[in-house]
C-alpha cells in the first residue's frame, strides 16, 4: 500500500538559485509536500478529461499565444536563466527566441501532424490511424537549457491534448515558475501544465501513479537509468535524452584557422554544457598541427567575464562549483596519464564557478576523458590519417547523439557521415537546428525523439479505426 500523503515537506532536494558568477545564494524555494503532489496529479488528470476535448484549432491558438508571450517577455526570461545557471545573456535571449519558434511550429504544423492517416483496407472497408492523446505526462528537465528543454517536450504534447506535470532542475526554480506563469497567462486551463518542485523520492511516486501515462527525461545516464527502471516496473513509456560525446570530424579545409575558430566557438557555446556539443574533434593529420595551434590561441586569449554583460574576449562560469570541480578532475586525470594541455584547464581564483577553457590532445583509452562525457569548456582533439580511421574513432564511444563531418568534398563528407552511429548527423554544419528537426540519440545517449514530426509521435495512442461497409 502506498504511504498516506502528508503535508510535511521533504528535506531534500532544496530548490535554490545560486548565482554561478558570484557564488551568492539568491533565493530558496520549498519542496512540495506529498499532499500537494497528489493534488497536482489529480488536477492534471481532471484537466486531461476536458483538455483532450478542446478542438485542435483552439489548442493551436493557445499554443501560439504561449510562443508570443515568450517573445514579449524575452528580456525578463533571459535575465532569469543568466542568473540561475550562468548562461551568457545573448545566448539566453537566443534560447527564449527558439522557444517561440518551437511553439509556433507546433501551433501551425500540429493539426496536420495529428490528422487521421488513411490506410488501405480490404473488402470495401475504410481504415485510418488516429493520433489520440494518452493522458498526463511527467517531464523531468535539466538546467543547461531551462526553457528550450521544456518547450520541445511541452509544445507537441499540449497540442496533442496531453497534460503535463513538469519537474525542473533544482537550480532553476525561477525559470520553472516563469514558464508556469506563461502557460496560465496564455489561457491554458488549470492543470494542463503544472510545475512541481518535487524531491527525488516524489518523482518515483509520480511515475508509479497509474494516472501518469508516460515520462520524458533529459539528463544524466544515471538519472535516465533510474527513471527507466521505475517506469519499467509500472509499464510506462519513457523518452530519454541523455549524455553525448559527439564527434566533429574535419577531413580538410581551405582555411584551417577559420575552421578551428568555428570549432572552438561551437564548443564554447553555453560554456560547453550541451549534450550535443562537439566534445571530440577529430582532425586529419595534414591540417592537425595548425588546427590545434589556433584552438590553443583562442582559448589562451579568453578572460573570465560576467555572463550578464556582453564583454568580448571573455568566458562565463559553469553552472555550479560542483560542475567545475568534476570537469577539473577529468582534466587532471588526463594530464597525469600523459595528455597534453595546450591552454587553460585551471580554476579561476575568487567567487563563482569559473574554469579556464582547455585544449587537450593525446587522449588515450586509459584516461577518463576518452570514455566519459566532458560537460564544459574543454576541447579534445584527436589526429587521424584516413577517413576510415576517423570513422572507427568516432564510433568508439558509448554515446550516439550527434555527429558532424566537414570537407570541401561534400560527397566525401557524406560517405563518412553515413558510417557514423548516431541519432543525428550533419555535413558542413555543426548541427541541424530548428523546431522541425528531430532531436535524439542511440546507444547510451537514450531513445525516443523530440521536435519535428517525430516529436508528436512519442506519447500518442496510434489507434486503428476500422469501418466495415
Protein backbone atom coordinates (compact mmCIF):
# COMPACT_ATOMS: atom_id res chain seq x y z
CA UNK A 1 0.00 0.00 0.00
CA UNK A 2 1.34 3.49 -0.80
CA UNK A 3 2.14 5.75 2.08
CA UNK A 4 -0.55 8.18 3.13
CA UNK A 5 0.19 11.64 1.70
CA UNK A 6 1.34 14.14 4.29
CA UNK A 7 1.84 17.88 4.42
CA UNK A 8 5.41 17.53 5.69
CA UNK A 9 7.91 18.92 3.24
CA UNK A 10 10.81 16.61 2.25
CA UNK A 11 14.18 17.81 3.44
CA UNK A 12 15.82 17.49 0.01
CA UNK A 13 16.49 18.44 -2.65
CA UNK A 14 16.45 22.14 -1.90
CA UNK A 15 15.39 24.27 -4.83
CA UNK A 16 17.57 27.36 -4.81
CA UNK A 17 19.12 29.96 -7.07
CA UNK A 18 22.89 30.22 -6.65
CA UNK A 19 24.48 32.75 -8.99
CA UNK A 20 27.41 30.91 -10.65
CA UNK A 21 29.23 34.17 -11.31
CA UNK A 22 29.28 35.29 -7.68
CA UNK A 23 28.57 32.12 -5.69
CA UNK A 24 25.79 34.01 -3.90
CA UNK A 25 22.64 32.15 -2.83
CA UNK A 26 19.93 34.42 -4.20
CA UNK A 27 16.73 32.65 -3.21
CA UNK A 28 15.47 29.32 -1.87
CA UNK A 29 12.22 27.54 -2.63
CA UNK A 30 10.45 24.80 -0.66
CA UNK A 31 9.94 21.28 -1.97
CA UNK A 32 6.26 20.36 -2.27
CA UNK A 33 4.56 18.14 0.29
CA UNK A 34 3.22 14.68 -0.54
CA UNK A 35 -0.28 16.06 -0.21
CA UNK A 36 0.44 18.85 -2.70
CA UNK A 37 1.93 16.29 -5.06
CA UNK A 38 -1.23 14.17 -5.00
CA UNK A 39 -3.31 17.29 -5.60
CA UNK A 40 -1.17 18.09 -8.65
CA UNK A 41 -1.64 14.63 -10.16
CA UNK A 42 -5.39 14.81 -9.55
CA UNK A 43 -5.55 18.26 -11.13
CA UNK A 44 -3.61 17.09 -14.20
CA UNK A 45 -5.88 14.07 -14.60
CA UNK A 46 -9.04 16.14 -14.28
CA UNK A 47 -7.70 18.71 -16.74
CA UNK A 48 -6.92 15.96 -19.25
CA UNK A 49 -10.57 14.91 -19.41
CA UNK A 50 -11.53 18.37 -20.66
CA UNK A 51 -8.32 19.42 -22.46
CA UNK A 52 -8.47 16.40 -24.77
CA UNK A 53 -11.94 17.55 -25.91
CA UNK A 54 -10.78 21.06 -26.83
CA UNK A 55 -10.76 21.38 -30.65
CA UNK A 56 -7.32 21.26 -32.21
CA UNK A 57 -7.84 24.74 -33.67
CA UNK A 58 -8.35 26.17 -30.18
CA UNK A 59 -5.35 24.32 -28.77
CA UNK A 60 -3.35 25.71 -31.68
CA UNK A 61 -4.44 29.26 -30.82
CA UNK A 62 -3.40 28.85 -27.19
CA UNK A 63 -0.02 27.31 -28.08
CA UNK A 64 0.67 30.20 -30.43
CA UNK A 65 -0.16 32.55 -27.58
CA UNK A 66 2.44 30.78 -25.41
CA UNK A 67 5.05 31.43 -28.10
CA UNK A 68 4.07 35.08 -28.30
CA UNK A 69 4.45 35.53 -24.55
CA UNK A 70 7.96 34.08 -24.69
CA UNK A 71 8.84 36.84 -27.15
CA UNK A 72 7.09 39.58 -25.18
CA UNK A 73 8.96 38.58 -22.00
CA UNK A 74 12.30 37.74 -23.60
CA UNK A 75 14.40 40.20 -21.57
CA UNK A 76 12.95 39.13 -18.23
CA UNK A 77 13.20 35.45 -19.10
CA UNK A 78 16.79 35.79 -20.32
CA UNK A 79 17.89 37.57 -17.14
CA UNK A 80 16.41 34.80 -15.01
CA UNK A 81 18.44 31.96 -16.52
CA UNK A 82 21.61 34.03 -16.78
CA UNK A 83 21.46 34.42 -13.00
CA UNK A 84 20.33 30.83 -12.38
CA UNK A 85 22.89 28.89 -14.41
CA UNK A 86 25.38 31.40 -15.79
CA UNK A 87 24.44 31.45 -19.47
CA UNK A 88 25.74 34.43 -21.42
CA UNK A 89 22.88 36.94 -21.73
CA UNK A 90 22.92 36.94 -25.54
CA UNK A 91 22.66 33.14 -25.52
CA UNK A 92 19.81 33.36 -23.01
CA UNK A 93 17.90 35.64 -25.37
CA UNK A 94 18.54 33.26 -28.27
CA UNK A 95 17.18 30.36 -26.21
CA UNK A 96 13.99 32.28 -25.46
CA UNK A 97 13.59 33.12 -29.16
CA UNK A 98 13.98 29.45 -30.08
CA UNK A 99 11.15 28.59 -27.69
CA UNK A 100 8.86 30.94 -29.61
CA UNK A 101 9.83 29.15 -32.82
CA UNK A 102 9.04 25.76 -31.29
CA UNK A 103 5.60 26.75 -30.01
CA UNK A 104 4.81 28.46 -33.33
CA UNK A 105 5.91 25.38 -35.28
CA UNK A 106 3.55 23.08 -33.41
CA UNK A 107 0.73 25.63 -33.42
CA UNK A 108 0.94 25.68 -37.24
CA UNK A 109 2.03 22.14 -38.07
CA UNK A 110 0.39 20.31 -35.15
CA UNK A 111 -3.08 19.89 -36.67
CA UNK A 112 -1.60 18.35 -39.82
CA UNK A 113 0.80 16.12 -37.90
CA UNK A 114 -2.03 14.82 -35.71
CA UNK A 115 -4.52 14.33 -38.56
CA UNK A 116 -6.00 10.91 -39.31
CA UNK A 117 -3.89 8.85 -41.75
CA UNK A 118 -5.96 6.71 -44.16
CA UNK A 119 -4.58 3.21 -44.79
CA UNK A 120 -5.62 0.60 -47.30
CA UNK A 121 -8.30 -1.86 -46.17
CA UNK A 122 -9.86 -4.86 -47.93
CA UNK A 123 -13.44 -5.72 -48.83
CA UNK A 124 -14.58 -2.15 -49.24
CA UNK A 125 -13.87 -1.21 -45.63
CA UNK A 126 -12.35 2.09 -44.57
CA UNK A 127 -9.46 2.41 -42.10
CA UNK A 128 -7.47 5.24 -40.59
CA UNK A 129 -4.74 5.60 -38.00
CA UNK A 130 -5.80 8.13 -35.40
CA UNK A 131 -3.37 10.04 -33.18
CA UNK A 132 -5.04 10.41 -29.81
CA UNK A 133 -3.71 11.82 -26.51
CA UNK A 134 -2.85 9.34 -23.77
CA UNK A 135 -3.13 11.39 -20.57
CA UNK A 136 -0.99 13.21 -18.00
CA UNK A 137 2.75 13.05 -18.64
CA UNK A 138 5.74 13.74 -16.41
CA UNK A 139 8.63 15.81 -17.75
CA UNK A 140 11.96 15.84 -15.87
CA UNK A 141 14.10 18.63 -17.24
CA UNK A 142 17.75 19.76 -16.81
CA UNK A 143 19.33 23.11 -16.07
CA UNK A 144 21.51 23.68 -19.14
CA UNK A 145 18.67 24.96 -21.36
CA UNK A 146 15.94 25.80 -18.84
CA UNK A 147 13.36 27.00 -21.39
CA UNK A 148 14.24 25.13 -24.58
CA UNK A 149 14.22 21.69 -22.98
CA UNK A 150 10.73 22.31 -21.61
CA UNK A 151 9.42 23.80 -24.85
CA UNK A 152 10.40 20.86 -27.03
CA UNK A 153 8.62 18.45 -24.67
CA UNK A 154 5.60 20.57 -23.77
CA UNK A 155 4.61 22.08 -27.13
CA UNK A 156 3.85 18.88 -29.11
CA UNK A 157 2.20 17.12 -26.18
CA UNK A 158 -0.05 20.02 -25.30
CA UNK A 159 -1.05 20.20 -28.95
CA UNK A 160 -1.97 16.51 -28.87
CA UNK A 161 -4.22 17.05 -25.84
CA UNK A 162 -1.98 15.52 -23.18
CA UNK A 163 -1.48 17.35 -19.89
CA UNK A 164 1.92 17.89 -18.30
CA UNK A 165 3.46 17.78 -14.86
CA UNK A 166 6.91 19.37 -15.08
CA UNK A 167 9.70 18.73 -12.58
CA UNK A 168 12.54 21.14 -13.34
CA UNK A 169 16.15 21.12 -12.13
CA UNK A 170 16.70 22.18 -8.54
CA UNK A 171 18.78 25.21 -9.57
CA UNK A 172 16.12 26.54 -11.99
CA UNK A 173 13.10 27.35 -9.79
CA UNK A 174 12.60 30.88 -11.10
CA UNK A 175 12.58 29.89 -14.77
CA UNK A 176 10.27 26.99 -13.92
CA UNK A 177 7.82 29.41 -12.32
CA UNK A 178 8.13 31.81 -15.25
CA UNK A 179 7.08 29.07 -17.67
CA UNK A 180 4.14 28.15 -15.45
CA UNK A 181 3.04 31.80 -15.46
CA UNK A 182 3.26 31.99 -19.24
CA UNK A 183 1.07 28.92 -19.61
CA UNK A 184 -1.54 30.41 -17.28
CA UNK A 185 -1.43 33.84 -18.91
CA UNK A 186 -1.77 32.27 -22.36
CA UNK A 187 -5.13 30.87 -21.27
CA UNK A 188 -4.36 27.18 -20.82
CA UNK A 189 -6.87 25.61 -18.42
CA UNK A 190 -5.76 24.94 -14.87
CA UNK A 191 -3.92 21.62 -14.73
CA UNK A 192 -2.96 21.44 -18.41
CA UNK A 193 0.58 22.38 -17.36
CA UNK A 194 1.77 22.13 -13.75
CA UNK A 195 5.21 22.89 -12.35
CA UNK A 196 6.09 20.84 -9.24
CA UNK A 197 9.18 21.23 -7.03
CA UNK A 198 9.37 17.52 -6.25
CA UNK A 199 12.04 15.57 -4.41
CA UNK A 200 13.78 12.58 -5.96
CA UNK A 201 11.61 10.23 -3.92
CA UNK A 202 8.48 12.02 -5.05
CA UNK A 203 9.48 11.59 -8.68
CA UNK A 204 9.21 7.84 -8.17
CA UNK A 205 5.75 8.35 -6.69
CA UNK A 206 4.63 10.34 -9.74
CA UNK A 207 5.95 7.79 -12.23
CA UNK A 208 4.32 4.88 -10.41
CA UNK A 209 0.94 6.58 -10.18
CA UNK A 210 -1.49 4.85 -12.58
CA UNK A 211 -2.83 8.20 -13.75
CA UNK A 212 0.54 9.14 -15.27
CA UNK A 213 0.88 7.73 -18.79
CA UNK A 214 4.48 8.48 -19.73
CA UNK A 215 7.76 10.10 -18.73
CA UNK A 216 10.27 12.22 -20.64
CA UNK A 217 13.67 12.89 -19.10
CA UNK A 218 16.62 14.92 -20.31
CA UNK A 219 19.60 14.45 -18.03
CA UNK A 220 22.41 12.16 -17.00
CA UNK A 221 22.78 8.44 -17.70
CA UNK A 222 22.36 7.72 -14.00
CA UNK A 223 19.10 9.65 -13.82
CA UNK A 224 17.89 8.06 -17.05
CA UNK A 225 18.58 4.54 -15.82
CA UNK A 226 16.80 5.21 -12.51
CA UNK A 227 13.74 6.69 -14.19
CA UNK A 228 13.57 3.95 -16.80
CA UNK A 229 13.74 1.30 -14.07
CA UNK A 230 10.82 2.79 -12.16
CA UNK A 231 8.84 3.34 -15.35
CA UNK A 232 9.51 -0.22 -16.47
CA UNK A 233 8.07 -1.63 -13.27
CA UNK A 234 4.96 0.45 -13.89
CA UNK A 235 4.80 -0.32 -17.63
CA UNK A 236 5.15 3.34 -18.60
CA UNK A 237 6.66 4.58 -21.82
CA UNK A 238 9.82 6.67 -21.42
CA UNK A 239 11.69 9.05 -23.71
CA UNK A 240 15.31 9.59 -22.65
CA UNK A 241 17.70 12.23 -23.94
CA UNK A 242 20.93 11.57 -22.06
CA UNK A 243 24.58 12.43 -22.47
CA UNK A 244 26.65 12.79 -25.59
CA UNK A 245 30.25 12.89 -26.74
CA UNK A 246 29.71 13.98 -30.31
CA UNK A 247 32.43 13.52 -32.93
CA UNK A 248 33.23 16.57 -35.05
CA UNK A 249 35.33 15.35 -37.98
CA UNK A 250 37.38 17.78 -40.05
CA UNK A 251 38.69 16.00 -43.15
CA UNK A 252 40.17 19.04 -44.89
CA UNK A 253 39.79 22.81 -45.02
CA UNK A 254 40.52 25.69 -47.36
CA UNK A 255 41.13 27.89 -44.30
CA UNK A 256 42.38 25.85 -41.36
CA UNK A 257 42.43 28.69 -38.86
CA UNK A 258 38.87 29.70 -39.70
CA UNK A 259 37.76 26.08 -39.34
CA UNK A 260 39.45 25.87 -35.95
CA UNK A 261 37.82 29.08 -34.79
CA UNK A 262 34.41 27.77 -35.86
CA UNK A 263 35.01 24.53 -33.97
CA UNK A 264 36.11 26.43 -30.87
CA UNK A 265 33.10 28.74 -30.96
CA UNK A 266 30.81 25.74 -31.24
CA UNK A 267 32.47 24.04 -28.28
CA UNK A 268 32.25 27.16 -26.12
CA UNK A 269 28.53 27.65 -26.70
CA UNK A 270 26.71 27.53 -23.34
CA UNK A 271 30.16 27.14 -21.74
CA UNK A 272 30.39 23.69 -23.34
CA UNK A 273 27.39 22.50 -21.33
CA UNK A 274 25.35 20.98 -24.14
CA UNK A 275 24.53 17.33 -24.69
CA UNK A 276 25.19 17.58 -28.43
CA UNK A 277 28.34 19.70 -28.25
CA UNK A 278 31.41 18.76 -30.31
CA UNK A 279 33.21 17.07 -27.44
CA UNK A 280 35.57 15.02 -29.66
CA UNK A 281 37.17 16.95 -32.52
CA UNK A 282 38.77 14.54 -34.98
CA UNK A 283 41.18 16.21 -37.41
CA UNK A 284 43.10 14.86 -40.41
CA UNK A 285 46.86 14.81 -39.89
CA UNK A 286 47.52 17.12 -42.85
CA UNK A 287 45.93 20.07 -41.03
CA UNK A 288 46.14 18.88 -37.40
CA UNK A 289 49.08 20.95 -36.11
CA UNK A 290 47.76 24.25 -37.46
CA UNK A 291 44.27 23.42 -36.23
CA UNK A 292 45.37 22.69 -32.65
CA UNK A 293 47.61 25.77 -32.54
CA UNK A 294 44.69 28.01 -33.44
CA UNK A 295 42.46 26.36 -30.84
CA UNK A 296 45.08 26.99 -28.18
CA UNK A 297 45.40 30.63 -29.27
CA UNK A 298 41.65 31.10 -29.00
CA UNK A 299 41.50 29.57 -25.52
CA UNK A 300 44.51 31.46 -24.18
CA UNK A 301 43.08 34.86 -25.11
CA UNK A 302 39.91 34.50 -23.05
CA UNK A 303 39.42 36.06 -19.62
CA UNK A 304 36.66 35.42 -17.06
CA UNK A 305 33.66 37.67 -17.51
CA UNK A 306 30.23 38.31 -16.08
CA UNK A 307 27.56 36.49 -18.17
CA UNK A 308 25.14 39.37 -17.60
CA UNK A 309 27.36 41.64 -19.72
CA UNK A 310 28.41 41.18 -23.33
CA UNK A 311 32.14 41.52 -22.81
CA UNK A 312 34.25 40.48 -25.81
CA UNK A 313 37.10 38.07 -25.16
CA UNK A 314 35.60 36.54 -22.03
CA UNK A 315 34.36 33.18 -20.83
CA UNK A 316 31.49 32.58 -18.44
CA UNK A 317 31.20 30.32 -15.38
CA UNK A 318 29.97 26.77 -15.31
CA UNK A 319 26.59 26.14 -13.73
CA UNK A 320 28.00 25.31 -10.29
CA UNK A 321 31.17 24.78 -8.29
CA UNK A 322 30.44 21.05 -8.31
CA UNK A 323 30.31 21.05 -12.12
CA UNK A 324 33.64 22.89 -12.33
CA UNK A 325 35.31 20.56 -9.84
CA UNK A 326 34.05 17.46 -11.67
CA UNK A 327 35.40 18.71 -15.00
CA UNK A 328 38.72 19.69 -13.45
CA UNK A 329 39.16 16.16 -12.09
CA UNK A 330 38.72 14.75 -15.61
CA UNK A 331 41.31 17.16 -16.97
CA UNK A 332 43.78 16.34 -14.19
CA UNK A 333 43.30 12.62 -14.76
CA UNK A 334 44.15 13.01 -18.45
CA UNK A 335 47.21 15.19 -17.85
CA UNK A 336 48.51 12.85 -15.13
CA UNK A 337 48.42 9.99 -17.66
CA UNK A 338 50.26 11.83 -20.43
CA UNK A 339 47.73 14.06 -22.23
CA UNK A 340 48.98 17.45 -23.42
CA UNK A 341 47.22 20.51 -22.02
CA UNK A 342 47.82 23.28 -24.58
CA UNK A 343 45.87 26.01 -22.78
CA UNK A 344 43.62 26.64 -19.79
CA UNK A 345 42.23 23.89 -17.62
CA UNK A 346 42.72 25.71 -14.33
CA UNK A 347 40.17 27.09 -11.86
CA UNK A 348 39.90 30.85 -11.51
CA UNK A 349 40.60 32.30 -8.06
CA UNK A 350 37.68 34.10 -6.48
CA UNK A 351 33.95 33.56 -6.14
CA UNK A 352 31.89 31.72 -8.70
CA UNK A 353 32.47 28.56 -10.71
CA UNK A 354 34.91 29.66 -13.40
CA UNK A 355 37.24 27.21 -15.13
CA UNK A 356 39.62 28.30 -17.87
CA UNK A 357 38.68 26.85 -21.28
CA UNK A 358 41.06 24.00 -22.01
CA UNK A 359 42.54 22.39 -25.12
CA UNK A 360 43.65 18.75 -24.71
CA UNK A 361 45.39 16.36 -27.07
CA UNK A 362 46.99 12.95 -26.65
CA UNK A 363 43.92 11.38 -25.05
CA UNK A 364 44.26 7.59 -24.76
CA UNK A 365 41.87 4.82 -23.79
CA UNK A 366 43.15 4.58 -20.22
CA UNK A 367 42.05 8.15 -19.50
CA UNK A 368 38.59 9.07 -18.19
CA UNK A 369 38.29 11.70 -20.91
CA UNK A 370 38.26 9.01 -23.60
CA UNK A 371 35.01 7.40 -22.41
CA UNK A 372 33.36 9.98 -20.19
CA UNK A 373 31.37 13.00 -21.28
CA UNK A 374 33.21 16.29 -20.69
CA UNK A 375 30.39 18.68 -19.82
CA UNK A 376 32.09 22.03 -20.00
CA UNK A 377 34.64 24.18 -21.87
CA UNK A 378 37.17 21.51 -22.78
CA UNK A 379 38.24 20.98 -26.39
CA UNK A 380 39.60 17.47 -27.00
CA UNK A 381 41.36 16.93 -30.35
CA UNK A 382 42.37 13.63 -31.98
CA UNK A 383 44.64 13.17 -35.01
CA UNK A 384 43.79 10.64 -37.75
CA UNK A 385 45.39 9.80 -41.07
CA UNK A 386 42.46 8.35 -43.04
CA UNK A 387 38.70 8.61 -43.39
CA UNK A 388 38.26 5.09 -42.07
CA UNK A 389 40.37 5.84 -39.01
CA UNK A 390 38.14 8.85 -38.36
CA UNK A 391 35.00 6.70 -38.60
CA UNK A 392 36.42 4.00 -36.31
CA UNK A 393 37.43 6.54 -33.67
CA UNK A 394 34.12 8.41 -33.92
CA UNK A 395 32.12 5.22 -33.36
CA UNK A 396 34.30 4.06 -30.46
CA UNK A 397 32.04 5.68 -27.90
CA UNK A 398 29.29 4.61 -25.54
CA UNK A 399 27.30 7.60 -26.77
CA UNK A 400 25.48 8.21 -30.02
CA UNK A 401 23.75 11.57 -30.02
CA UNK A 402 25.01 13.91 -32.74
CA UNK A 403 27.89 13.97 -35.21
CA UNK A 404 29.31 16.34 -37.80
CA UNK A 405 31.64 15.96 -40.79
CA UNK A 406 33.40 18.79 -42.61
CA UNK A 407 35.06 18.65 -46.02
CA UNK A 408 35.34 20.69 -49.21
CA UNK A 409 34.21 17.49 -50.95
CA UNK A 410 30.58 17.05 -49.89
CA UNK A 411 30.41 13.52 -51.31
CA UNK A 412 33.43 12.52 -49.23
CA UNK A 413 31.87 14.02 -46.11
CA UNK A 414 28.58 12.27 -46.79
CA UNK A 415 30.34 8.94 -47.23
CA UNK A 416 31.91 9.35 -43.79
CA UNK A 417 28.68 10.58 -42.19
CA UNK A 418 26.74 7.56 -43.46
CA UNK A 419 29.01 5.32 -41.39
CA UNK A 420 28.56 7.16 -38.08
CA UNK A 421 26.45 5.51 -35.38
CA UNK A 422 24.48 8.48 -34.10
CA UNK A 423 20.95 9.78 -33.87
CA UNK A 424 21.84 12.91 -35.82
CA UNK A 425 24.47 13.61 -38.47
CA UNK A 426 25.29 16.88 -40.21
CA UNK A 427 27.59 17.72 -43.10
CA UNK A 428 29.48 21.02 -43.16
CA UNK A 429 27.37 22.29 -40.25
CA UNK A 430 27.86 21.92 -36.51
CA UNK A 431 24.23 20.92 -36.05
CA UNK A 432 20.94 20.75 -37.91
CA UNK A 433 18.96 23.05 -35.63
CA UNK A 434 15.33 24.05 -35.94
CA UNK A 435 11.90 23.25 -34.50
CA UNK A 436 11.22 20.91 -37.42
CA UNK A 437 14.45 18.92 -36.95
CA UNK A 438 14.04 15.76 -34.80
CA UNK A 439 16.46 15.51 -31.86
CA UNK A 440 17.62 12.32 -30.16
CA UNK A 441 20.24 9.62 -29.99
CA UNK A 442 21.16 5.96 -29.83
CA UNK A 443 23.28 3.79 -27.51
CA UNK A 444 23.75 5.38 -24.08
CA UNK A 445 22.52 8.73 -25.39
CA UNK A 446 18.98 7.46 -24.91
CA UNK A 447 15.98 6.71 -27.09
CA UNK A 448 12.97 8.49 -28.50
CA UNK A 449 12.83 11.76 -30.41
CA UNK A 450 11.74 15.32 -29.75
CA UNK A 451 10.97 18.19 -32.15
CA UNK A 452 9.84 17.93 -35.74
CA UNK A 453 7.16 15.48 -36.88
CA UNK A 454 8.60 12.77 -34.63
CA UNK A 455 8.03 14.95 -31.57
CA UNK A 456 4.30 14.29 -31.83
CA UNK A 457 4.72 10.53 -32.24
CA UNK A 458 6.05 9.57 -28.80
CA UNK A 459 3.21 9.98 -26.29
CA UNK A 460 0.27 9.24 -28.53
CA UNK A 461 -2.26 6.46 -29.00
CA UNK A 462 -1.90 5.48 -32.65
CA UNK A 463 -5.32 3.91 -32.79
CA UNK A 464 -6.73 1.95 -35.69
CA UNK A 465 -10.26 2.98 -36.64
CA UNK A 466 -11.76 0.34 -38.97
CA UNK A 467 -15.17 0.91 -40.54
CA UNK A 468 -16.80 -2.03 -42.31
CA UNK A 469 -19.17 -1.26 -45.18
